[in-house]
N, C-alpha and C. Protein backbone atom coordinates (compact mmCIF):
# COMPACT_ATOMS: atom_id res chain seq x y z
N MET A 1 -139.71 183.28 115.92
CA MET A 1 -138.89 184.14 115.09
C MET A 1 -137.90 184.92 115.96
N LYS A 2 -138.33 185.34 117.16
CA LYS A 2 -137.45 186.13 118.01
C LYS A 2 -136.18 185.35 118.37
N THR A 3 -136.33 184.07 118.66
CA THR A 3 -135.16 183.30 119.05
C THR A 3 -134.17 183.19 117.90
N LEU A 4 -134.67 183.03 116.67
CA LEU A 4 -133.78 182.94 115.51
C LEU A 4 -133.07 184.27 115.27
N VAL A 5 -133.79 185.37 115.37
CA VAL A 5 -133.18 186.69 115.17
C VAL A 5 -132.13 186.95 116.25
N ARG A 6 -132.45 186.62 117.48
CA ARG A 6 -131.50 186.80 118.58
C ARG A 6 -130.26 185.93 118.36
N PHE A 7 -130.47 184.71 117.89
CA PHE A 7 -129.35 183.80 117.62
C PHE A 7 -128.47 184.35 116.50
N ILE A 8 -129.07 184.87 115.45
CA ILE A 8 -128.31 185.44 114.34
C ILE A 8 -127.50 186.64 114.80
N LYS A 9 -128.14 187.53 115.53
CA LYS A 9 -127.45 188.73 115.99
C LYS A 9 -126.30 188.42 116.94
N ALA A 10 -126.45 187.39 117.75
CA ALA A 10 -125.43 187.08 118.74
C ALA A 10 -124.31 186.21 118.19
N GLU A 11 -124.61 185.28 117.28
CA GLU A 11 -123.64 184.26 116.92
C GLU A 11 -123.11 184.33 115.50
N CYS A 12 -123.80 184.94 114.57
CA CYS A 12 -123.36 184.92 113.17
C CYS A 12 -122.30 185.98 112.93
N ALA A 13 -121.17 185.56 112.37
CA ALA A 13 -120.07 186.49 112.09
C ALA A 13 -120.39 187.39 110.90
N ASN A 14 -121.33 187.00 110.06
CA ASN A 14 -121.70 187.82 108.91
C ASN A 14 -122.69 188.92 109.24
N TYR A 15 -123.17 188.96 110.46
CA TYR A 15 -124.12 189.99 110.86
C TYR A 15 -123.36 191.11 111.56
N ASP A 16 -123.47 192.32 111.06
CA ASP A 16 -122.78 193.48 111.64
C ASP A 16 -123.71 194.12 112.66
N LYS A 17 -123.36 194.05 113.92
CA LYS A 17 -124.22 194.55 114.99
C LYS A 17 -124.34 196.08 114.95
N HIS A 18 -123.30 196.74 114.51
CA HIS A 18 -123.30 198.20 114.52
C HIS A 18 -124.27 198.77 113.48
N TYR A 19 -124.24 198.20 112.28
CA TYR A 19 -125.09 198.72 111.21
C TYR A 19 -126.41 197.96 111.07
N GLN A 20 -126.62 196.95 111.90
CA GLN A 20 -127.85 196.16 111.88
C GLN A 20 -128.12 195.55 110.51
N GLN A 21 -127.10 195.00 109.89
CA GLN A 21 -127.25 194.37 108.58
C GLN A 21 -126.13 193.37 108.39
N GLY A 22 -126.15 192.66 107.28
CA GLY A 22 -125.08 191.75 106.96
C GLY A 22 -123.83 192.52 106.57
N VAL A 23 -122.70 191.84 106.63
CA VAL A 23 -121.46 192.51 106.22
C VAL A 23 -121.47 192.73 104.72
N TRP A 24 -120.55 193.51 104.23
CA TRP A 24 -120.42 193.87 102.81
C TRP A 24 -121.61 194.68 102.32
N ASP A 25 -122.24 195.43 103.21
CA ASP A 25 -123.35 196.33 102.88
C ASP A 25 -124.54 195.61 102.25
N GLU A 26 -124.73 194.36 102.58
CA GLU A 26 -125.89 193.60 102.13
C GLU A 26 -126.78 193.35 103.33
N PRO A 27 -128.08 193.27 103.12
CA PRO A 27 -128.92 192.87 104.24
C PRO A 27 -128.69 191.39 104.56
N CYS A 28 -128.97 191.02 105.78
CA CYS A 28 -128.81 189.62 106.20
C CYS A 28 -129.74 188.75 105.36
N LYS A 29 -129.20 187.71 104.74
CA LYS A 29 -130.01 186.86 103.87
C LYS A 29 -131.10 186.14 104.64
N VAL A 30 -130.78 185.65 105.82
CA VAL A 30 -131.76 184.89 106.60
C VAL A 30 -132.91 185.79 107.02
N LEU A 31 -132.60 186.99 107.48
CA LEU A 31 -133.66 187.91 107.89
C LEU A 31 -134.48 188.39 106.70
N ALA A 32 -133.89 188.31 105.50
CA ALA A 32 -134.63 188.66 104.28
C ALA A 32 -135.45 187.49 103.76
N GLY A 33 -135.34 186.33 104.41
CA GLY A 33 -136.12 185.16 104.01
C GLY A 33 -135.43 184.28 102.98
N LYS A 34 -134.12 184.42 102.82
CA LYS A 34 -133.36 183.61 101.86
C LYS A 34 -132.43 182.67 102.61
N ARG A 35 -132.06 181.61 101.94
CA ARG A 35 -131.13 180.66 102.55
C ARG A 35 -129.72 181.23 102.51
N CYS A 36 -128.95 180.97 103.56
CA CYS A 36 -127.57 181.43 103.66
C CYS A 36 -126.69 180.21 103.95
N SER A 37 -125.82 179.89 103.01
CA SER A 37 -124.99 178.68 103.17
C SER A 37 -124.03 178.83 104.34
N TYR A 38 -123.50 180.02 104.57
CA TYR A 38 -122.60 180.22 105.71
C TYR A 38 -123.34 179.96 107.02
N PHE A 39 -124.55 180.48 107.13
CA PHE A 39 -125.33 180.30 108.36
C PHE A 39 -125.65 178.83 108.57
N GLU A 40 -126.03 178.13 107.49
CA GLU A 40 -126.39 176.72 107.62
C GLU A 40 -125.20 175.86 108.04
N LYS A 41 -124.04 176.09 107.41
CA LYS A 41 -122.89 175.22 107.66
C LYS A 41 -122.11 175.59 108.90
N CYS A 42 -121.88 176.88 109.11
CA CYS A 42 -120.96 177.30 110.16
C CYS A 42 -121.63 177.72 111.46
N VAL A 43 -122.77 178.35 111.38
CA VAL A 43 -123.39 178.86 112.60
C VAL A 43 -124.37 177.86 113.17
N LEU A 44 -125.30 177.42 112.36
CA LEU A 44 -126.31 176.48 112.83
C LEU A 44 -125.73 175.09 112.95
N GLY A 45 -124.92 174.68 111.99
CA GLY A 45 -124.28 173.38 112.04
C GLY A 45 -125.25 172.24 111.80
N PRO A 46 -124.75 171.02 111.77
CA PRO A 46 -125.64 169.87 111.62
C PRO A 46 -126.43 169.64 112.91
N PRO A 47 -127.57 168.98 112.82
CA PRO A 47 -128.40 168.78 114.01
C PRO A 47 -127.73 167.97 115.11
N ASP A 48 -126.79 167.09 114.75
CA ASP A 48 -126.14 166.28 115.77
C ASP A 48 -124.78 166.82 116.18
N TYR A 49 -124.52 168.09 115.90
CA TYR A 49 -123.25 168.73 116.22
C TYR A 49 -123.06 168.74 117.74
N LYS A 50 -121.94 168.20 118.22
CA LYS A 50 -121.79 168.03 119.66
C LYS A 50 -121.32 169.29 120.39
N PHE A 51 -120.94 170.34 119.65
CA PHE A 51 -120.48 171.56 120.30
C PHE A 51 -121.52 172.68 120.18
N GLN A 52 -122.79 172.33 120.32
CA GLN A 52 -123.85 173.34 120.24
C GLN A 52 -123.82 174.21 121.49
N LEU A 53 -124.22 175.45 121.34
CA LEU A 53 -124.22 176.38 122.46
C LEU A 53 -125.34 176.02 123.42
N PRO A 54 -125.08 176.07 124.72
CA PRO A 54 -126.06 175.56 125.69
C PRO A 54 -127.31 176.41 125.89
N ASN A 55 -127.29 177.67 125.52
CA ASN A 55 -128.44 178.54 125.82
C ASN A 55 -129.52 178.53 124.76
N TYR A 56 -129.38 177.75 123.71
CA TYR A 56 -130.33 177.78 122.60
C TYR A 56 -130.96 176.41 122.39
N ASP A 57 -132.23 176.42 122.02
CA ASP A 57 -132.94 175.19 121.67
C ASP A 57 -132.79 175.00 120.15
N TYR A 58 -131.91 174.10 119.74
CA TYR A 58 -131.59 173.97 118.33
C TYR A 58 -132.72 173.38 117.50
N THR A 59 -133.58 172.59 118.10
CA THR A 59 -134.71 172.06 117.33
C THR A 59 -135.64 173.21 116.92
N LYS A 60 -135.88 174.15 117.83
CA LYS A 60 -136.70 175.32 117.50
C LYS A 60 -136.01 176.18 116.45
N LEU A 61 -134.68 176.35 116.59
CA LEU A 61 -133.95 177.16 115.61
C LEU A 61 -134.03 176.55 114.22
N PHE A 62 -133.89 175.22 114.12
CA PHE A 62 -133.98 174.56 112.82
C PHE A 62 -135.36 174.73 112.21
N THR A 63 -136.41 174.58 113.02
CA THR A 63 -137.76 174.70 112.48
C THR A 63 -138.07 176.15 112.08
N LYS A 64 -137.64 177.12 112.88
CA LYS A 64 -137.87 178.53 112.53
C LYS A 64 -137.12 178.90 111.25
N TYR A 65 -135.89 178.41 111.13
CA TYR A 65 -135.10 178.68 109.93
C TYR A 65 -135.77 178.07 108.71
N ALA A 66 -136.28 176.85 108.86
CA ALA A 66 -136.96 176.18 107.75
C ALA A 66 -138.25 176.91 107.37
N GLU A 67 -138.99 177.39 108.35
CA GLU A 67 -140.22 178.13 108.07
C GLU A 67 -139.93 179.44 107.35
N LEU A 68 -138.88 180.12 107.79
CA LEU A 68 -138.56 181.44 107.24
C LEU A 68 -137.99 181.36 105.83
N THR A 69 -137.12 180.39 105.59
CA THR A 69 -136.41 180.34 104.31
C THR A 69 -136.95 179.29 103.35
N GLY A 70 -137.77 178.39 103.81
CA GLY A 70 -138.27 177.32 102.95
C GLY A 70 -137.30 176.16 102.80
N ALA A 71 -136.27 176.13 103.62
CA ALA A 71 -135.30 175.03 103.58
C ALA A 71 -135.91 173.80 104.23
N LYS A 72 -135.40 172.65 103.83
CA LYS A 72 -135.85 171.42 104.47
C LYS A 72 -135.29 171.36 105.88
N THR A 73 -136.11 170.90 106.80
CA THR A 73 -135.63 170.72 108.16
C THR A 73 -134.75 169.48 108.19
N PRO A 74 -133.48 169.62 108.57
CA PRO A 74 -132.60 168.47 108.57
C PRO A 74 -133.03 167.44 109.60
N VAL A 75 -132.96 166.19 109.21
CA VAL A 75 -133.34 165.09 110.09
C VAL A 75 -132.12 164.21 110.29
N VAL A 76 -131.84 163.92 111.52
CA VAL A 76 -130.72 163.06 111.84
C VAL A 76 -131.27 161.72 112.29
N GLU A 77 -130.79 160.68 111.65
CA GLU A 77 -131.20 159.35 112.08
C GLU A 77 -130.33 158.96 113.26
N GLN A 78 -130.98 158.71 114.37
CA GLN A 78 -130.27 158.36 115.59
C GLN A 78 -130.00 156.86 115.60
N ARG A 79 -128.75 156.48 115.73
CA ARG A 79 -128.41 155.06 115.85
C ARG A 79 -128.71 154.64 117.28
N LEU A 80 -129.27 153.44 117.41
CA LEU A 80 -129.65 152.95 118.72
C LEU A 80 -128.90 151.67 119.05
N CYS A 81 -128.65 151.47 120.32
CA CYS A 81 -128.05 150.23 120.81
C CYS A 81 -129.14 149.15 120.80
N ASP A 82 -128.75 147.92 121.05
CA ASP A 82 -129.72 146.83 121.11
C ASP A 82 -130.75 147.05 122.21
N CYS A 83 -130.36 147.72 123.28
CA CYS A 83 -131.28 147.97 124.39
C CYS A 83 -132.19 149.17 124.12
N GLY A 84 -131.89 149.96 123.09
CA GLY A 84 -132.73 151.09 122.73
C GLY A 84 -132.16 152.45 123.08
N LYS A 85 -131.02 152.50 123.75
CA LYS A 85 -130.41 153.78 124.10
C LYS A 85 -129.70 154.36 122.88
N PRO A 86 -129.67 155.70 122.74
CA PRO A 86 -128.98 156.32 121.60
C PRO A 86 -127.47 156.16 121.71
N LEU A 87 -126.84 156.01 120.54
CA LEU A 87 -125.40 155.85 120.49
C LEU A 87 -124.74 157.13 120.01
N ARG A 88 -123.55 157.41 120.53
CA ARG A 88 -122.76 158.53 120.06
C ARG A 88 -121.98 158.10 118.82
N PRO A 89 -121.37 159.05 118.10
CA PRO A 89 -120.56 158.66 116.94
C PRO A 89 -119.43 157.72 117.33
N ARG A 90 -119.16 156.75 116.48
CA ARG A 90 -118.09 155.76 116.65
C ARG A 90 -118.31 154.86 117.85
N GLN A 91 -119.51 154.75 118.33
CA GLN A 91 -119.81 153.91 119.47
C GLN A 91 -120.63 152.72 118.99
N ARG A 92 -120.23 151.52 119.35
CA ARG A 92 -120.91 150.31 118.90
C ARG A 92 -122.02 149.91 119.87
N PHE A 93 -121.77 150.06 121.16
CA PHE A 93 -122.74 149.72 122.20
C PHE A 93 -122.80 150.86 123.20
N CYS A 94 -123.92 150.98 123.92
CA CYS A 94 -124.00 151.97 124.99
C CYS A 94 -123.08 151.53 126.13
N ASN A 95 -122.84 152.39 127.07
CA ASN A 95 -121.89 152.08 128.14
C ASN A 95 -122.34 150.88 128.97
N ASP A 96 -123.64 150.79 129.26
CA ASP A 96 -124.14 149.67 130.06
C ASP A 96 -123.99 148.34 129.33
N CYS A 97 -124.37 148.31 128.05
CA CYS A 97 -124.25 147.07 127.27
C CYS A 97 -122.79 146.69 127.05
N ALA A 98 -121.92 147.68 126.84
CA ALA A 98 -120.50 147.38 126.67
C ALA A 98 -119.94 146.76 127.94
N ARG A 99 -120.34 147.28 129.10
CA ARG A 99 -119.87 146.73 130.37
C ARG A 99 -120.37 145.29 130.54
N LYS A 100 -121.63 145.03 130.22
CA LYS A 100 -122.18 143.67 130.34
C LYS A 100 -121.47 142.70 129.41
N ARG A 101 -121.23 143.12 128.18
CA ARG A 101 -120.54 142.25 127.21
C ARG A 101 -119.11 141.97 127.66
N ARG A 102 -118.44 142.97 128.20
CA ARG A 102 -117.07 142.78 128.67
C ARG A 102 -117.04 141.80 129.83
N LYS A 103 -117.99 141.92 130.76
CA LYS A 103 -118.06 141.00 131.88
C LYS A 103 -118.33 139.58 131.40
N ASP A 104 -119.26 139.43 130.45
CA ASP A 104 -119.58 138.10 129.93
C ASP A 104 -118.37 137.47 129.24
N SER A 105 -117.66 138.23 128.43
CA SER A 105 -116.51 137.66 127.72
C SER A 105 -115.39 137.31 128.70
N ASN A 106 -115.18 138.13 129.73
CA ASN A 106 -114.17 137.79 130.75
C ASN A 106 -114.57 136.55 131.52
N ARG A 107 -115.84 136.41 131.83
CA ARG A 107 -116.33 135.23 132.54
C ARG A 107 -116.13 133.97 131.70
N ARG A 108 -116.45 134.04 130.40
CA ARG A 108 -116.23 132.88 129.52
C ARG A 108 -114.75 132.52 129.41
N TYR A 109 -113.91 133.54 129.31
CA TYR A 109 -112.46 133.30 129.21
C TYR A 109 -111.93 132.64 130.48
N ASN A 110 -112.36 133.13 131.63
CA ASN A 110 -111.88 132.55 132.91
C ASN A 110 -112.38 131.12 133.09
N ARG A 111 -113.59 130.82 132.67
CA ARG A 111 -114.10 129.44 132.77
C ARG A 111 -113.32 128.52 131.85
N LYS A 112 -113.03 128.97 130.67
CA LYS A 112 -112.28 128.16 129.69
C LYS A 112 -110.86 127.91 130.20
N ARG A 113 -110.26 128.93 130.79
CA ARG A 113 -108.90 128.84 131.27
C ARG A 113 -108.80 127.94 132.51
N ALA A 114 -109.83 127.98 133.36
CA ALA A 114 -109.84 127.17 134.58
C ALA A 114 -110.05 125.70 134.26
N GLY A 115 -110.70 125.44 133.16
CA GLY A 115 -110.86 124.10 132.64
C GLY A 115 -111.86 123.30 133.32
């Protein structure tokens, strides 16, 4: 719980540090145990968001948020290469497999061209 509270206080724009509450004179929804759409979409982001802050363990944050608010813990299906390595978005093969395939296709082309 401490890590989630610290994360909210440091990163959420809707949390007013001076008055120790949410903006607009409302208490923070997450700290009150309710779901907050702004926090889910803008602060926490999707689990596979590539611009996550380096000082936080996002898997723990997601589980703590789910425990506190009753939200479903988001699950990201990781796409895998044929060799089993995880793929990034818009990537068809991992770097090693892409290099091997490129070498193989160049080798076949050169053999065909040499006759």
